[in-house]
Amino acid sequence: AEWLLTNRDIPVGPDLAIGTIDAWLVWNLTGGEVFATDPSNA
């Protein structure tokens, strides 16, 4: 995640989401309503 923020032109602000694949899938399945993960992935 540090490398992504350091090496890509990623604006840091309220629109930024950084997550593992589960969080990406939940976000898409819920139409962007839920941005969440579980402790096993965290």
ModelCIF file with pLDDT and N, C-alpha, C, O atoms, coordinates in Angstrom:
data_MODEL
#
_entry.id   MODEL 
#
_entity.id                         1 
_entity.type                       polymer 
_entity.pdbx_number_of_molecules   1 
#
_entity_poly.entity_id                      1 
_entity_poly.type                           'polypeptide(L)' 
_entity_poly.nstd_linkage                   no 
_entity_poly.nstd_monomer                   no 
_entity_poly.pdbx_seq_one_letter_code       AEWLLTNRDIPVGPDLAIGTIDAWLVWNLTGGEVFATDPSNA 
_entity_poly.pdbx_seq_one_letter_code_can   AEWLLTNRDIPVGPDLAIGTIDAWLVWNLTGGEVFATDPSNA 
_entity_poly.pdbx_strand_id                 A 
#
loop_
_entity_poly_seq.entity_id 
_entity_poly_seq.num 
_entity_poly_seq.mon_id 
_entity_poly_seq.hetero 
1 1  ALA n 
1 2  GLU n 
1 3  TRP n 
1 4  LEU n 
1 5  LEU n 
1 6  THR n 
1 7  ASN n 
1 8  ARG n 
1 9  ASP n 
1 10 ILE n 
1 11 PRO n 
1 12 VAL n 
1 13 GLY n 
1 14 PRO n 
1 15 ASP n 
1 16 LEU n 
1 17 ALA n 
1 18 ILE n 
1 19 GLY n 
1 20 THR n 
1 21 ILE n 
1 22 ASP n 
1 23 ALA n 
1 24 TRP n 
1 25 LEU n 
1 26 VAL n 
1 27 TRP n 
1 28 ASN n 
1 29 LEU n 
1 30 THR n 
1 31 GLY n 
1 32 GLY n 
1 33 GLU n 
1 34 VAL n 
1 35 PHE n 
1 36 ALA n 
1 37 THR n 
1 38 ASP n 
1 39 PRO n 
1 40 SER n 
1 41 ASN n 
1 42 ALA n 
#
_struct_asym.id          A 
_struct_asym.entity_id   1 
#
loop_
_ma_qa_metric.id 
_ma_qa_metric.mode 
_ma_qa_metric.name 
_ma_qa_metric.software_group_id 
_ma_qa_metric.type 
1 global pLDDT . pLDDT 
2 local  pLDDT . pLDDT 
#
_ma_qa_metric_global.metric_id      1 
_ma_qa_metric_global.metric_value   95.50 
_ma_qa_metric_global.model_id       1 
_ma_qa_metric_global.ordinal_id     1 
#
loop_
_ma_qa_metric_local.label_asym_id 
_ma_qa_metric_local.label_comp_id 
_ma_qa_metric_local.label_seq_id 
_ma_qa_metric_local.metric_id 
_ma_qa_metric_local.metric_value 
_ma_qa_metric_local.model_id 
_ma_qa_metric_local.ordinal_id 
A ALA 1  2 97.00 1 1  
A GLU 2  2 97.00 1 2  
A TRP 3  2 97.00 1 3  
A LEU 4  2 96.00 1 4  
A LEU 5  2 96.00 1 5  
A THR 6  2 95.00 1 6  
A ASN 7  2 95.00 1 7  
A ARG 8  2 93.00 1 8  
A ASP 9  2 88.00 1 9  
A ILE 10 2 94.00 1 10 
A PRO 11 2 92.00 1 11 
A VAL 12 2 92.00 1 12 
A GLY 13 2 92.00 1 13 
A PRO 14 2 94.00 1 14 
A ASP 15 2 95.00 1 15 
A LEU 16 2 97.00 1 16 
A ALA 17 2 97.00 1 17 
A ILE 18 2 97.00 1 18 
A GLY 19 2 96.00 1 19 
A THR 20 2 97.00 1 20 
A ILE 21 2 97.00 1 21 
A ASP 22 2 97.00 1 22 
A ALA 23 2 97.00 1 23 
A TRP 24 2 97.00 1 24 
A LEU 25 2 97.00 1 25 
A VAL 26 2 97.00 1 26 
A TRP 27 2 96.00 1 27 
A ASN 28 2 96.00 1 28 
A LEU 29 2 96.00 1 29 
A THR 30 2 95.00 1 30 
A GLY 31 2 93.00 1 31 
A GLY 32 2 93.00 1 32 
A GLU 33 2 93.00 1 33 
A VAL 34 2 95.00 1 34 
A PHE 35 2 96.00 1 35 
A ALA 36 2 97.00 1 36 
A THR 37 2 97.00 1 37 
A ASP 38 2 97.00 1 38 
A PRO 39 2 97.00 1 39 
A SER 40 2 97.00 1 40 
A ASN 41 2 97.00 1 41 
A ALA 42 2 97.00 1 42 
#
loop_
_atom_site.group_PDB 
_atom_site.id 
_atom_site.type_symbol 
_atom_site.label_atom_id 
_atom_site.label_alt_id 
_atom_site.label_comp_id 
_atom_site.label_asym_id 
_atom_site.label_entity_id 
_atom_site.label_seq_id 
_atom_site.pdbx_PDB_ins_code 
_atom_site.Cartn_x 
_atom_site.Cartn_y 
_atom_site.Cartn_z 
_atom_site.occupancy 
_atom_site.B_iso_or_equiv 
_atom_site.pdbx_formal_charge 
_atom_site.auth_seq_id 
_atom_site.auth_comp_id 
_atom_site.auth_asym_id 
_atom_site.auth_atom_id 
_atom_site.pdbx_PDB_model_num 
ATOM 1   N N  . ALA A 1 1  ? 0.831   -1.200  0.000  1.00 97.00 ? 1  ALA A N  1 
ATOM 2   C CA . ALA A 1 1  ? 0.000   0.000   0.000  1.00 97.00 ? 1  ALA A CA 1 
ATOM 3   C C  . ALA A 1 1  ? 0.870   1.256   0.000  1.00 97.00 ? 1  ALA A C  1 
ATOM 4   O O  . ALA A 1 1  ? 0.563   2.233   -0.682 1.00 97.00 ? 1  ALA A O  1 
ATOM 5   N N  . GLU A 1 2  ? 1.959   1.220   0.773  1.00 97.00 ? 2  GLU A N  1 
ATOM 6   C CA . GLU A 1 2  ? 2.898   2.338   0.774  1.00 97.00 ? 2  GLU A CA 1 
ATOM 7   C C  . GLU A 1 2  ? 3.470   2.563   -0.626 1.00 97.00 ? 2  GLU A C  1 
ATOM 8   O O  . GLU A 1 2  ? 3.592   3.703   -1.074 1.00 97.00 ? 2  GLU A O  1 
ATOM 9   N N  . TRP A 1 3  ? 3.816   1.485   -1.307 1.00 97.00 ? 3  TRP A N  1 
ATOM 10  C CA . TRP A 1 3  ? 4.371   1.604   -2.661 1.00 97.00 ? 3  TRP A CA 1 
ATOM 11  C C  . TRP A 1 3  ? 3.349   2.230   -3.604 1.00 97.00 ? 3  TRP A C  1 
ATOM 12  O O  . TRP A 1 3  ? 3.696   3.097   -4.406 1.00 97.00 ? 3  TRP A O  1 
ATOM 13  N N  . LEU A 1 4  ? 2.098   1.799   -3.515 1.00 96.00 ? 4  LEU A N  1 
ATOM 14  C CA . LEU A 1 4  ? 1.053   2.370   -4.371 1.00 96.00 ? 4  LEU A CA 1 
ATOM 15  C C  . LEU A 1 4  ? 0.963   3.880   -4.184 1.00 96.00 ? 4  LEU A C  1 
ATOM 16  O O  . LEU A 1 4  ? 0.920   4.637   -5.155 1.00 96.00 ? 4  LEU A O  1 
ATOM 17  N N  . LEU A 1 5  ? 0.934   4.307   -2.926 1.00 96.00 ? 5  LEU A N  1 
ATOM 18  C CA . LEU A 1 5  ? 0.770   5.729   -2.637 1.00 96.00 ? 5  LEU A CA 1 
ATOM 19  C C  . LEU A 1 5  ? 2.001   6.535   -3.023 1.00 96.00 ? 5  LEU A C  1 
ATOM 20  O O  . LEU A 1 5  ? 1.903   7.718   -3.351 1.00 96.00 ? 5  LEU A O  1 
ATOM 21  N N  . THR A 1 6  ? 3.160   5.885   -2.982 1.00 95.00 ? 6  THR A N  1 
ATOM 22  C CA . THR A 1 6  ? 4.413   6.580   -3.283 1.00 95.00 ? 6  THR A CA 1 
ATOM 23  C C  . THR A 1 6  ? 4.684   6.653   -4.776 1.00 95.00 ? 6  THR A C  1 
ATOM 24  O O  . THR A 1 6  ? 5.278   7.620   -5.253 1.00 95.00 ? 6  THR A O  1 
ATOM 25  N N  . ASN A 1 7  ? 4.254   5.633   -5.520 1.00 95.00 ? 7  ASN A N  1 
ATOM 26  C CA . ASN A 1 7  ? 4.680   5.503   -6.913 1.00 95.00 ? 7  ASN A CA 1 
ATOM 27  C C  . ASN A 1 7  ? 3.583   5.727   -7.941 1.00 95.00 ? 7  ASN A C  1 
ATOM 28  O O  . ASN A 1 7  ? 3.866   5.761   -9.139 1.00 95.00 ? 7  ASN A O  1 
ATOM 29  N N  . ARG A 1 8  ? 2.345   5.881   -7.505 1.00 93.00 ? 8  ARG A N  1 
ATOM 30  C CA . ARG A 1 8  ? 1.269   6.162   -8.442 1.00 93.00 ? 8  ARG A CA 1 
ATOM 31  C C  . ARG A 1 8  ? 0.630   7.499   -8.080 1.00 93.00 ? 8  ARG A C  1 
ATOM 32  O O  . ARG A 1 8  ? 0.682   7.936   -6.931 1.00 93.00 ? 8  ARG A O  1 
ATOM 33  N N  . ASP A 1 9  ? 0.047   8.119   -9.050 1.00 88.00 ? 9  ASP A N  1 
ATOM 34  C CA . ASP A 1 9  ? -0.561  9.437   -8.840 1.00 88.00 ? 9  ASP A CA 1 
ATOM 35  C C  . ASP A 1 9  ? -1.940  9.251   -8.221 1.00 88.00 ? 9  ASP A C  1 
ATOM 36  O O  . ASP A 1 9  ? -2.964  9.364   -8.895 1.00 88.00 ? 9  ASP A O  1 
ATOM 37  N N  . ILE A 1 10 ? -1.940  8.961   -6.917 1.00 94.00 ? 10 ILE A N  1 
ATOM 38  C CA . ILE A 1 10 ? -3.179  8.650   -6.210 1.00 94.00 ? 10 ILE A CA 1 
ATOM 39  C C  . ILE A 1 10 ? -3.507  9.805   -5.268 1.00 94.00 ? 10 ILE A C  1 
ATOM 40  O O  . ILE A 1 10 ? -2.761  10.047  -4.319 1.00 94.00 ? 10 ILE A O  1 
ATOM 41  N N  . PRO A 1 11 ? -4.594  10.516  -5.504 1.00 92.00 ? 11 PRO A N  1 
ATOM 42  C CA . PRO A 1 11 ? -4.965  11.615  -4.598 1.00 92.00 ? 11 PRO A CA 1 
ATOM 43  C C  . PRO A 1 11 ? -5.470  11.079  -3.264 1.00 92.00 ? 11 PRO A C  1 
ATOM 44  O O  . PRO A 1 11 ? -6.337  10.206  -3.215 1.00 92.00 ? 11 PRO A O  1 
ATOM 45  N N  . VAL A 1 12 ? -4.916  11.613  -2.194 1.00 92.00 ? 12 VAL A N  1 
ATOM 46  C CA . VAL A 1 12 ? -5.324  11.202  -0.851 1.00 92.00 ? 12 VAL A CA 1 
ATOM 47  C C  . VAL A 1 12 ? -6.430  12.133  -0.384 1.00 92.00 ? 12 VAL A C  1 
ATOM 48  O O  . VAL A 1 12 ? -6.250  13.348  -0.304 1.00 92.00 ? 12 VAL A O  1 
ATOM 49  N N  . GLY A 1 13 ? -7.579  11.540  -0.076 1.00 92.00 ? 13 GLY A N  1 
ATOM 50  C CA . GLY A 1 13 ? -8.727  12.336  0.351  1.00 92.00 ? 13 GLY A CA 1 
ATOM 51  C C  . GLY A 1 13 ? -9.886  11.422  0.681  1.00 92.00 ? 13 GLY A C  1 
ATOM 52  O O  . GLY A 1 13 ? -9.709  10.206  0.750  1.00 92.00 ? 13 GLY A O  1 
ATOM 53  N N  . PRO A 1 14 ? -11.066 11.975  0.887  1.00 94.00 ? 14 PRO A N  1 
ATOM 54  C CA . PRO A 1 14 ? -12.219 11.166  1.305  1.00 94.00 ? 14 PRO A CA 1 
ATOM 55  C C  . PRO A 1 14 ? -12.668 10.141  0.266  1.00 94.00 ? 14 PRO A C  1 
ATOM 56  O O  . PRO A 1 14 ? -13.369 9.191   0.613  1.00 94.00 ? 14 PRO A O  1 
ATOM 57  N N  . ASP A 1 15 ? -12.283 10.313  -0.996 1.00 95.00 ? 15 ASP A N  1 
ATOM 58  C CA . ASP A 1 15 ? -12.678 9.350   -2.029 1.00 95.00 ? 15 ASP A CA 1 
ATOM 59  C C  . ASP A 1 15 ? -11.741 8.152   -2.119 1.00 95.00 ? 15 ASP A C  1 
ATOM 60  O O  . ASP A 1 15 ? -12.027 7.209   -2.857 1.00 95.00 ? 15 ASP A O  1 
ATOM 61  N N  . LEU A 1 16 ? -10.633 8.165   -1.391 1.00 97.00 ? 16 LEU A N  1 
ATOM 62  C CA . LEU A 1 16 ? -9.642  7.096   -1.508 1.00 97.00 ? 16 LEU A CA 1 
ATOM 63  C C  . LEU A 1 16 ? -10.056 5.868   -0.703 1.00 97.00 ? 16 LEU A C  1 
ATOM 64  O O  . LEU A 1 16 ? -10.382 5.962   0.480  1.00 97.00 ? 16 LEU A O  1 
ATOM 65  N N  . ALA A 1 17 ? -10.037 4.732   -1.362 1.00 97.00 ? 17 ALA A N  1 
ATOM 66  C CA . ALA A 1 17 ? -10.250 3.442   -0.700 1.00 97.00 ? 17 ALA A CA 1 
ATOM 67  C C  . ALA A 1 17 ? -9.023  2.578   -0.938 1.00 97.00 ? 17 ALA A C  1 
ATOM 68  O O  . ALA A 1 17 ? -8.570  2.432   -2.074 1.00 97.00 ? 17 ALA A O  1 
ATOM 69  N N  . ILE A 1 18 ? -8.485  2.006   0.132  1.00 97.00 ? 18 ILE A N  1 
ATOM 70  C CA . ILE A 1 18 ? -7.383  1.056   0.046  1.00 97.00 ? 18 ILE A CA 1 
ATOM 71  C C  . ILE A 1 18 ? -7.843  -0.218  0.725  1.00 97.00 ? 18 ILE A C  1 
ATOM 72  O O  . ILE A 1 18 ? -8.206  -0.205  1.901  1.00 97.00 ? 18 ILE A O  1 
ATOM 73  N N  . GLY A 1 19 ? -7.829  -1.316  -0.009 1.00 96.00 ? 19 GLY A N  1 
ATOM 74  C CA . GLY A 1 19 ? -8.347  -2.542  0.583  1.00 96.00 ? 19 GLY A CA 1 
ATOM 75  C C  . GLY A 1 19 ? -7.830  -3.790  -0.088 1.00 96.00 ? 19 GLY A C  1 
ATOM 76  O O  . GLY A 1 19 ? -7.201  -3.744  -1.144 1.00 96.00 ? 19 GLY A O  1 
ATOM 77  N N  . THR A 1 20 ? -8.109  -4.891  0.544  1.00 97.00 ? 20 THR A N  1 
ATOM 78  C CA . THR A 1 20 ? -7.800  -6.199  -0.018 1.00 97.00 ? 20 THR A CA 1 
ATOM 79  C C  . THR A 1 20 ? -8.959  -6.633  -0.912 1.00 97.00 ? 20 THR A C  1 
ATOM 80  O O  . THR A 1 20 ? -9.976  -5.944  -0.991 1.00 97.00 ? 20 THR A O  1 
ATOM 81  N N  . ILE A 1 21 ? -8.809  -7.761  -1.579 1.00 97.00 ? 21 ILE A N  1 
ATOM 82  C CA . ILE A 1 21 ? -9.778  -8.162  -2.611 1.00 97.00 ? 21 ILE A CA 1 
ATOM 83  C C  . ILE A 1 21 ? -11.182 -8.340  -2.039 1.00 97.00 ? 21 ILE A C  1 
ATOM 84  O O  . ILE A 1 21 ? -12.166 -8.032  -2.713 1.00 97.00 ? 21 ILE A O  1 
ATOM 85  N N  . ASP A 1 22 ? -11.286 -8.831  -0.812 1.00 97.00 ? 22 ASP A N  1 
ATOM 86  C CA . ASP A 1 22 ? -12.614 -9.007  -0.213 1.00 97.00 ? 22 ASP A CA 1 
ATOM 87  C C  . ASP A 1 22 ? -13.347 -7.668  -0.100 1.00 97.00 ? 22 ASP A C  1 
ATOM 88  O O  . ASP A 1 22 ? -14.540 -7.577  -0.390 1.00 97.00 ? 22 ASP A O  1 
ATOM 89  N N  . ALA A 1 23 ? -12.616 -6.628  0.329  1.00 97.00 ? 23 ALA A N  1 
ATOM 90  C CA . ALA A 1 23 ? -13.235 -5.310  0.469  1.00 97.00 ? 23 ALA A CA 1 
ATOM 91  C C  . ALA A 1 23 ? -13.684 -4.765  -0.887 1.00 97.00 ? 23 ALA A C  1 
ATOM 92  O O  . ALA A 1 23 ? -14.735 -4.135  -1.001 1.00 97.00 ? 23 ALA A O  1 
ATOM 93  N N  . TRP A 1 24 ? -12.874 -5.016  -1.904 1.00 97.00 ? 24 TRP A N  1 
ATOM 94  C CA . TRP A 1 24 ? -13.224 -4.606  -3.267 1.00 97.00 ? 24 TRP A CA 1 
ATOM 95  C C  . TRP A 1 24 ? -14.497 -5.311  -3.730 1.00 97.00 ? 24 TRP A C  1 
ATOM 96  O O  . TRP A 1 24 ? -15.359 -4.688  -4.349 1.00 97.00 ? 24 TRP A O  1 
ATOM 97  N N  . LEU A 1 25 ? -14.621 -6.597  -3.438 1.00 97.00 ? 25 LEU A N  1 
ATOM 98  C CA . LEU A 1 25 ? -15.799 -7.343  -3.876 1.00 97.00 ? 25 LEU A CA 1 
ATOM 99  C C  . LEU A 1 25 ? -17.051 -6.930  -3.107 1.00 97.00 ? 25 LEU A C  1 
ATOM 100 O O  . LEU A 1 25 ? -18.118 -6.786  -3.704 1.00 97.00 ? 25 LEU A O  1 
ATOM 101 N N  . VAL A 1 26 ? -16.940 -6.739  -1.804 1.00 97.00 ? 26 VAL A N  1 
ATOM 102 C CA . VAL A 1 26 ? -18.099 -6.284  -1.028 1.00 97.00 ? 26 VAL A CA 1 
ATOM 103 C C  . VAL A 1 26 ? -18.555 -4.920  -1.524 1.00 97.00 ? 26 VAL A C  1 
ATOM 104 O O  . VAL A 1 26 ? -19.751 -4.669  -1.666 1.00 97.00 ? 26 VAL A O  1 
ATOM 105 N N  . TRP A 1 27 ? -17.604 -4.052  -1.782 1.00 96.00 ? 27 TRP A N  1 
ATOM 106 C CA . TRP A 1 27 ? -17.938 -2.709  -2.275 1.00 96.00 ? 27 TRP A CA 1 
ATOM 107 C C  . TRP A 1 27 ? -18.703 -2.789  -3.586 1.00 96.00 ? 27 TRP A C  1 
ATOM 108 O O  . TRP A 1 27 ? -19.676 -2.061  -3.782 1.00 96.00 ? 27 TRP A O  1 
ATOM 109 N N  . ASN A 1 28 ? -18.274 -3.664  -4.482 1.00 96.00 ? 28 ASN A N  1 
ATOM 110 C CA . ASN A 1 28 ? -18.953 -3.811  -5.771 1.00 96.00 ? 28 ASN A CA 1 
ATOM 111 C C  . ASN A 1 28 ? -20.282 -4.534  -5.637 1.00 96.00 ? 28 ASN A C  1 
ATOM 112 O O  . ASN A 1 28 ? -21.260 -4.140  -6.273 1.00 96.00 ? 28 ASN A O  1 
ATOM 113 N N  . LEU A 1 29 ? -20.340 -5.571  -4.833 1.00 96.00 ? 29 LEU A N  1 
ATOM 114 C CA . LEU A 1 29 ? -21.594 -6.310  -4.659 1.00 96.00 ? 29 LEU A CA 1 
ATOM 115 C C  . LEU A 1 29 ? -22.692 -5.427  -4.076 1.00 96.00 ? 29 LEU A C  1 
ATOM 116 O O  . LEU A 1 29 ? -23.864 -5.572  -4.423 1.00 96.00 ? 29 LEU A O  1 
ATOM 117 N N  . THR A 1 30 ? -22.309 -4.516  -3.194 1.00 95.00 ? 30 THR A N  1 
ATOM 118 C CA . THR A 1 30 ? -23.299 -3.656  -2.542 1.00 95.00 ? 30 THR A CA 1 
ATOM 119 C C  . THR A 1 30 ? -23.483 -2.328  -3.273 1.00 95.00 ? 30 THR A C  1 
ATOM 120 O O  . THR A 1 30 ? -24.102 -1.407  -2.741 1.00 95.00 ? 30 THR A O  1 
ATOM 121 N N  . GLY A 1 31 ? -22.950 -2.227  -4.482 1.00 93.00 ? 31 GLY A N  1 
ATOM 122 C CA . GLY A 1 31 ? -23.099 -1.003  -5.258 1.00 93.00 ? 31 GLY A CA 1 
ATOM 123 C C  . GLY A 1 31 ? -22.406 0.192   -4.631 1.00 93.00 ? 31 GLY A C  1 
ATOM 124 O O  . GLY A 1 31 ? -22.859 1.327   -4.782 1.00 93.00 ? 31 GLY A O  1 
ATOM 125 N N  . GLY A 1 32 ? -21.311 -0.055  -3.930 1.00 93.00 ? 32 GLY A N  1 
ATOM 126 C CA . GLY A 1 32 ? -20.564 1.023   -3.295 1.00 93.00 ? 32 GLY A CA 1 
ATOM 127 C C  . GLY A 1 32 ? -21.120 1.466   -1.962 1.00 93.00 ? 32 GLY A C  1 
ATOM 128 O O  . GLY A 1 32 ? -20.656 2.456   -1.397 1.00 93.00 ? 32 GLY A O  1 
ATOM 129 N N  . GLU A 1 33 ? -22.120 0.743   -1.441 1.00 93.00 ? 33 GLU A N  1 
ATOM 130 C CA . GLU A 1 33 ? -22.730 1.125   -0.165 1.00 93.00 ? 33 GLU A CA 1 
ATOM 131 C C  . GLU A 1 33 ? -21.897 0.689   1.039  1.00 93.00 ? 33 GLU A C  1 
ATOM 132 O O  . GLU A 1 33 ? -21.923 1.344   2.081  1.00 93.00 ? 33 GLU A O  1 
ATOM 133 N N  . VAL A 1 34 ? -21.157 -0.417  0.900  1.00 95.00 ? 34 VAL A N  1 
ATOM 134 C CA . VAL A 1 34 ? -20.420 -0.973  2.039  1.00 95.00 ? 34 VAL A CA 1 
ATOM 135 C C  . VAL A 1 34 ? -18.946 -1.088  1.686  1.00 95.00 ? 34 VAL A C  1 
ATOM 136 O O  . VAL A 1 34 ? -18.579 -1.695  0.679  1.00 95.00 ? 34 VAL A O  1 
ATOM 137 N N  . PHE A 1 35 ? -18.113 -0.500  2.524  1.00 96.00 ? 35 PHE A N  1 
ATOM 138 C CA . PHE A 1 35 ? -16.655 -0.602  2.390  1.00 96.00 ? 35 PHE A CA 1 
ATOM 139 C C  . PHE A 1 35 ? -16.166 -1.253  3.676  1.00 96.00 ? 35 PHE A C  1 
ATOM 140 O O  . PHE A 1 35 ? -15.982 -0.584  4.693  1.00 96.00 ? 35 PHE A O  1 
ATOM 141 N N  . ALA A 1 36 ? -15.957 -2.572  3.619  1.00 97.00 ? 36 ALA A N  1 
ATOM 142 C CA . ALA A 1 36 ? -15.680 -3.324  4.843  1.00 97.00 ? 36 ALA A CA 1 
ATOM 143 C C  . ALA A 1 36 ? -14.823 -4.541  4.552  1.00 97.00 ? 36 ALA A C  1 
ATOM 144 O O  . ALA A 1 36 ? -14.761 -5.034  3.426  1.00 97.00 ? 36 ALA A O  1 
ATOM 145 N N  . THR A 1 37 ? -14.171 -5.006  5.596  1.00 97.00 ? 37 THR A N  1 
ATOM 146 C CA . THR A 1 37 ? -13.387 -6.235  5.562  1.00 97.00 ? 37 THR A CA 1 
ATOM 147 C C  . THR A 1 37 ? -13.647 -6.988  6.854  1.00 97.00 ? 37 THR A C  1 
ATOM 148 O O  . THR A 1 37 ? -14.461 -6.558  7.671  1.00 97.00 ? 37 THR A O  1 
ATOM 149 N N  . ASP A 1 38 ? -12.961 -8.110  7.046  1.00 97.00 ? 38 ASP A N  1 
ATOM 150 C CA . ASP A 1 38 ? -13.101 -8.862  8.294  1.00 97.00 ? 38 ASP A CA 1 
ATOM 151 C C  . ASP A 1 38 ? -11.734 -8.966  8.960  1.00 97.00 ? 38 ASP A C  1 
ATOM 152 O O  . ASP A 1 38 ? -10.727 -8.659  8.323  1.00 97.00 ? 38 ASP A O  1 
ATOM 153 N N  . PRO A 1 39 ? -11.666 -9.389  10.223 1.00 97.00 ? 39 PRO A N  1 
ATOM 154 C CA . PRO A 1 39 ? -10.376 -9.428  10.923 1.00 97.00 ? 39 PRO A CA 1 
ATOM 155 C C  . PRO A 1 39 ? -9.370  -10.413 10.334 1.00 97.00 ? 39 PRO A C  1 
ATOM 156 O O  . PRO A 1 39 ? -8.164  -10.198 10.455 1.00 97.00 ? 39 PRO A O  1 
ATOM 157 N N  . SER A 1 40 ? -9.836  -11.489 9.698  1.00 97.00 ? 40 SER A N  1 
ATOM 158 C CA . SER A 1 40 ? -8.880  -12.456 9.145  1.00 97.00 ? 40 SER A CA 1 
ATOM 159 C C  . SER A 1 40 ? -8.086  -11.821 8.010  1.00 97.00 ? 40 SER A C  1 
ATOM 160 O O  . SER A 1 40 ? -6.889  -12.075 7.875  1.00 97.00 ? 40 SER A O  1 
ATOM 161 N N  . ASN A 1 41 ? -8.742  -10.996 7.191  1.00 97.00 ? 41 ASN A N  1 
ATOM 162 C CA . ASN A 1 41 ? -8.036  -10.286 6.122  1.00 97.00 ? 41 ASN A CA 1 
ATOM 163 C C  . ASN A 1 41 ? -7.266  -9.083  6.658  1.00 97.00 ? 41 ASN A C  1 
ATOM 164 O O  . ASN A 1 41 ? -6.133  -8.833  6.247  1.00 97.00 ? 41 ASN A O  1 
ATOM 165 N N  . ALA A 1 42 ? -7.878  -8.344  7.570  1.00 97.00 ? 42 ALA A N  1 
ATOM 166 C CA . ALA A 1 42 ? -7.207  -7.166  8.138  1.00 97.00 ? 42 ALA A CA 1 
ATOM 167 C C  . ALA A 1 42 ? -5.910  -7.565  8.828  1.00 97.00 ? 42 ALA A C  1 
ATOM 168 O O  . ALA A 1 42 ? -5.207  -6.708  9.365  1.00 97.00 ? 42 ALA A O  1 
#
